[in-house]
Every structure is written in structure tokens, then in C-alpha cells.
């Protein structure tokens, strides 16, 4: 007796696609959560620096010239290194994954 099972390749493709979608959704969720947290943690005078956080590809960036001064503690509204503190408050972020750098 022979038993033939067909359609396994299609099922595996569907599982792989579902897995890819789940990973993308999880990544998007973490990025959006981090984006909201950074906007909330950023000291506000005009609100420009807080509103300037954005997702660009795999990174979250802020192109306001003075955001690094704020991060160094130039505002009494937030402690120094508020960016690192905010990012590291996400349990899935590893310390070696935090990069705060000057624009090149």
C-alpha cells in the first residue's frame, strides 16, 4: 500500500510567509513603541526635537541639530542620556545595540 500526501510544499510556504509576517509585525511594533517612548522622553520647549524622531529603515533617527545637546543634559526637563535610558528600557534591546552618534 502506498500513501501519497500532496500539498506539503504549499503548506510550508504558507508557514514561512506567516512567520515572515509575524516577525515584521513584531519589529514594527517594537519600533513604534520605541518611537513613542523617545518622543515622550525628549525635553520639550517648542516640541521640534520630540516631533523629529522618525523611523528610517532599521533605525530610529532624529536629525534636529541640538538633540545631542539635550541628551547631554542641557535641559532640566530630562536627565542626561535620556535617549540611552529610553532605548534600554525596552527589555529586548541589548546594550551593544544602542548607538548615539553625531551626524556624519
C-alpha atoms as a PDB file:
ATOM      1  CA  UNK A   1       0.000   0.000   0.000  1.00  0.00           C
ATOM      2  CA  UNK A   2       1.223   3.440  -0.918  1.00  0.00           C
ATOM      3  CA  UNK A   3       0.008   6.671   0.605  1.00  0.00           C
ATOM      4  CA  UNK A   4       0.751   9.862  -1.232  1.00  0.00           C
ATOM      5  CA  UNK A   5       0.498  13.208   0.548  1.00  0.00           C
ATOM      6  CA  UNK A   6       0.485  16.243  -1.687  1.00  0.00           C
ATOM      7  CA  UNK A   7       0.490  19.937  -0.995  1.00  0.00           C
ATOM      8  CA  UNK A   8       3.174  19.876   1.687  1.00  0.00           C
ATOM      9  CA  UNK A   9       5.340  22.381  -0.181  1.00  0.00           C
ATOM     10  CA  UNK A  10       2.436  24.816  -0.314  1.00  0.00           C
ATOM     11  CA  UNK A  11       1.774  24.419   3.405  1.00  0.00           C
ATOM     12  CA  UNK A  12       5.445  25.009   4.187  1.00  0.00           C
ATOM     13  CA  UNK A  13       5.443  28.135   2.006  1.00  0.00           C
ATOM     14  CA  UNK A  14       2.366  29.411   3.831  1.00  0.00           C
ATOM     15  CA  UNK A  15       4.011  28.754   7.197  1.00  0.00           C
ATOM     16  CA  UNK A  16       7.164  30.566   6.081  1.00  0.00           C
ATOM     17  CA  UNK A  17       5.123  33.543   4.846  1.00  0.00           C
ATOM     18  CA  UNK A  18       3.171  33.659   8.116  1.00  0.00           C
ATOM     19  CA  UNK A  19       6.425  33.552  10.076  1.00  0.00           C
ATOM     20  CA  UNK A  20       7.876  36.397   7.995  1.00  0.00           C
ATOM     21  CA  UNK A  21       4.733  38.476   8.540  1.00  0.00           C
ATOM     22  CA  UNK A  22       4.812  37.817  12.295  1.00  0.00           C
ATOM     23  CA  UNK A  23       8.456  38.893  12.540  1.00  0.00           C
ATOM     24  CA  UNK A  24       7.824  42.043  10.504  1.00  0.00           C
ATOM     25  CA  UNK A  25       4.819  42.923  12.652  1.00  0.00           C
ATOM     26  CA  UNK A  26       6.812  42.379  15.853  1.00  0.00           C
ATOM     27  CA  UNK A  27       9.670  44.545  14.557  1.00  0.00           C
ATOM     28  CA  UNK A  28       7.246  47.278  13.549  1.00  0.00           C
ATOM     29  CA  UNK A  29       5.581  47.130  16.952  1.00  0.00           C
ATOM     30  CA  UNK A  30       8.889  47.477  18.816  1.00  0.00           C
ATOM     31  CA  UNK A  31       9.996  50.356  16.573  1.00  0.00           C
ATOM     32  CA  UNK A  32       6.698  52.202  17.036  1.00  0.00           C
ATOM     33  CA  UNK A  33       6.796  51.660  20.797  1.00  0.00           C
ATOM     34  CA  UNK A  34      10.372  52.960  20.920  1.00  0.00           C
ATOM     35  CA  UNK A  35       9.489  55.923  18.711  1.00  0.00           C
ATOM     36  CA  UNK A  36       6.629  56.900  21.032  1.00  0.00           C
ATOM     37  CA  UNK A  37       8.827  56.470  24.113  1.00  0.00           C
ATOM     38  CA  UNK A  38      11.588  58.660  22.649  1.00  0.00           C
ATOM     39  CA  UNK A  39       9.095  61.363  21.704  1.00  0.00           C
ATOM     40  CA  UNK A  40       7.711  61.282  25.236  1.00  0.00           C
ATOM     41  CA  UNK A  41      11.165  61.357  26.890  1.00  0.00           C
ATOM     42  CA  UNK A  42      12.555  64.191  24.757  1.00  0.00           C
ATOM     43  CA  UNK A  43      12.566  67.564  26.558  1.00  0.00           C
ATOM     44  CA  UNK A  44      10.091  69.984  25.025  1.00  0.00           C
ATOM     45  CA  UNK A  45      10.288  73.708  24.520  1.00  0.00           C
ATOM     46  CA  UNK A  46       8.941  74.135  21.005  1.00  0.00           C
ATOM     47  CA  UNK A  47       8.372  70.394  20.556  1.00  0.00           C
ATOM     48  CA  UNK A  48      10.538  70.271  17.440  1.00  0.00           C
ATOM     49  CA  UNK A  49      13.052  67.769  18.814  1.00  0.00           C
ATOM     50  CA  UNK A  50      10.349  65.412  20.101  1.00  0.00           C
ATOM     51  CA  UNK A  51       8.412  65.566  16.847  1.00  0.00           C
ATOM     52  CA  UNK A  52      11.547  64.919  14.787  1.00  0.00           C
ATOM     53  CA  UNK A  53      12.003  61.282  15.851  1.00  0.00           C
ATOM     54  CA  UNK A  54      11.338  59.027  12.879  1.00  0.00           C
ATOM     55  CA  UNK A  55      11.900  55.517  11.656  1.00  0.00           C
ATOM     56  CA  UNK A  56      14.294  55.236   8.726  1.00  0.00           C
ATOM     57  CA  UNK A  57      14.736  51.654   7.627  1.00  0.00           C
ATOM     58  CA  UNK A  58      16.161  49.721  10.555  1.00  0.00           C
ATOM     59  CA  UNK A  59      16.991  52.815  12.630  1.00  0.00           C
ATOM     60  CA  UNK A  60      15.205  55.427  14.665  1.00  0.00           C
ATOM     61  CA  UNK A  61      16.738  58.829  13.994  1.00  0.00           C
ATOM     62  CA  UNK A  62      16.393  62.440  14.996  1.00  0.00           C
ATOM     63  CA  UNK A  63      18.007  64.998  12.697  1.00  0.00           C
ATOM     64  CA  UNK A  64      17.488  68.044  14.907  1.00  0.00           C
ATOM     65  CA  UNK A  65      20.930  69.578  15.429  1.00  0.00           C
ATOM     66  CA  UNK A  66      20.530  70.103  19.177  1.00  0.00           C
ATOM     67  CA  UNK A  67      19.085  66.713  20.154  1.00  0.00           C
ATOM     68  CA  UNK A  68      22.541  65.524  21.269  1.00  0.00           C
ATOM     69  CA  UNK A  69      22.904  68.612  23.467  1.00  0.00           C
ATOM     70  CA  UNK A  70      19.565  67.731  25.043  1.00  0.00           C
ATOM     71  CA  UNK A  71      20.806  64.175  25.519  1.00  0.00           C
ATOM     72  CA  UNK A  72      23.907  65.513  27.260  1.00  0.00           C
ATOM     73  CA  UNK A  73      21.688  67.195  29.859  1.00  0.00           C
ATOM     74  CA  UNK A  74      21.300  70.750  28.557  1.00  0.00           C
ATOM     75  CA  UNK A  75      17.629  70.778  29.590  1.00  0.00           C
ATOM     76  CA  UNK A  76      16.367  70.464  33.141  1.00  0.00           C
ATOM     77  CA  UNK A  77      13.311  68.646  31.776  1.00  0.00           C
ATOM     78  CA  UNK A  78      15.168  65.375  31.222  1.00  0.00           C
ATOM     79  CA  UNK A  79      18.237  63.690  32.669  1.00  0.00           C
ATOM     80  CA  UNK A  80      21.373  63.347  30.610  1.00  0.00           C
ATOM     81  CA  UNK A  81      21.441  60.259  28.407  1.00  0.00           C
ATOM     82  CA  UNK A  82      17.644  60.146  28.196  1.00  0.00           C
ATOM     83  CA  UNK A  83      17.961  58.539  24.760  1.00  0.00           C
ATOM     84  CA  UNK A  84      20.011  55.601  26.010  1.00  0.00           C
ATOM     85  CA  UNK A  85      17.816  55.234  29.110  1.00  0.00           C
ATOM     86  CA  UNK A  86      14.684  55.157  26.986  1.00  0.00           C
ATOM     87  CA  UNK A  87      16.053  52.676  24.467  1.00  0.00           C
ATOM     88  CA  UNK A  88      17.473  50.393  27.143  1.00  0.00           C
ATOM     89  CA  UNK A  89      14.143  50.355  28.982  1.00  0.00           C
ATOM     90  CA  UNK A  90      12.926  48.027  26.222  1.00  0.00           C
ATOM     91  CA  UNK A  91      13.864  44.578  27.593  1.00  0.00           C
ATOM     92  CA  UNK A  92      14.662  43.151  24.161  1.00  0.00           C
ATOM     93  CA  UNK A  93      17.315  45.813  23.388  1.00  0.00           C
ATOM     94  CA  UNK A  94      20.881  44.801  24.163  1.00  0.00           C
ATOM     95  CA  UNK A  95      23.316  47.488  25.380  1.00  0.00           C
ATOM     96  CA  UNK A  96      25.675  46.984  22.448  1.00  0.00           C
ATOM     97  CA  UNK A  97      22.788  47.838  20.099  1.00  0.00           C
ATOM     98  CA  UNK A  98      22.484  51.458  21.247  1.00  0.00           C
ATOM     99  CA  UNK A  99      24.343  53.910  19.047  1.00  0.00           C
ATOM    100  CA  UNK A 100      24.061  57.617  19.686  1.00  0.00           C
ATOM    101  CA  UNK A 101      26.299  59.431  17.247  1.00  0.00           C
ATOM    102  CA  UNK A 102      27.000  62.792  15.734  1.00  0.00           C
ATOM    103  CA  UNK A 103      25.812  63.296  12.172  1.00  0.00           C
ATOM    104  CA  UNK A 104      28.474  62.446   9.654  1.00  0.00           C
END
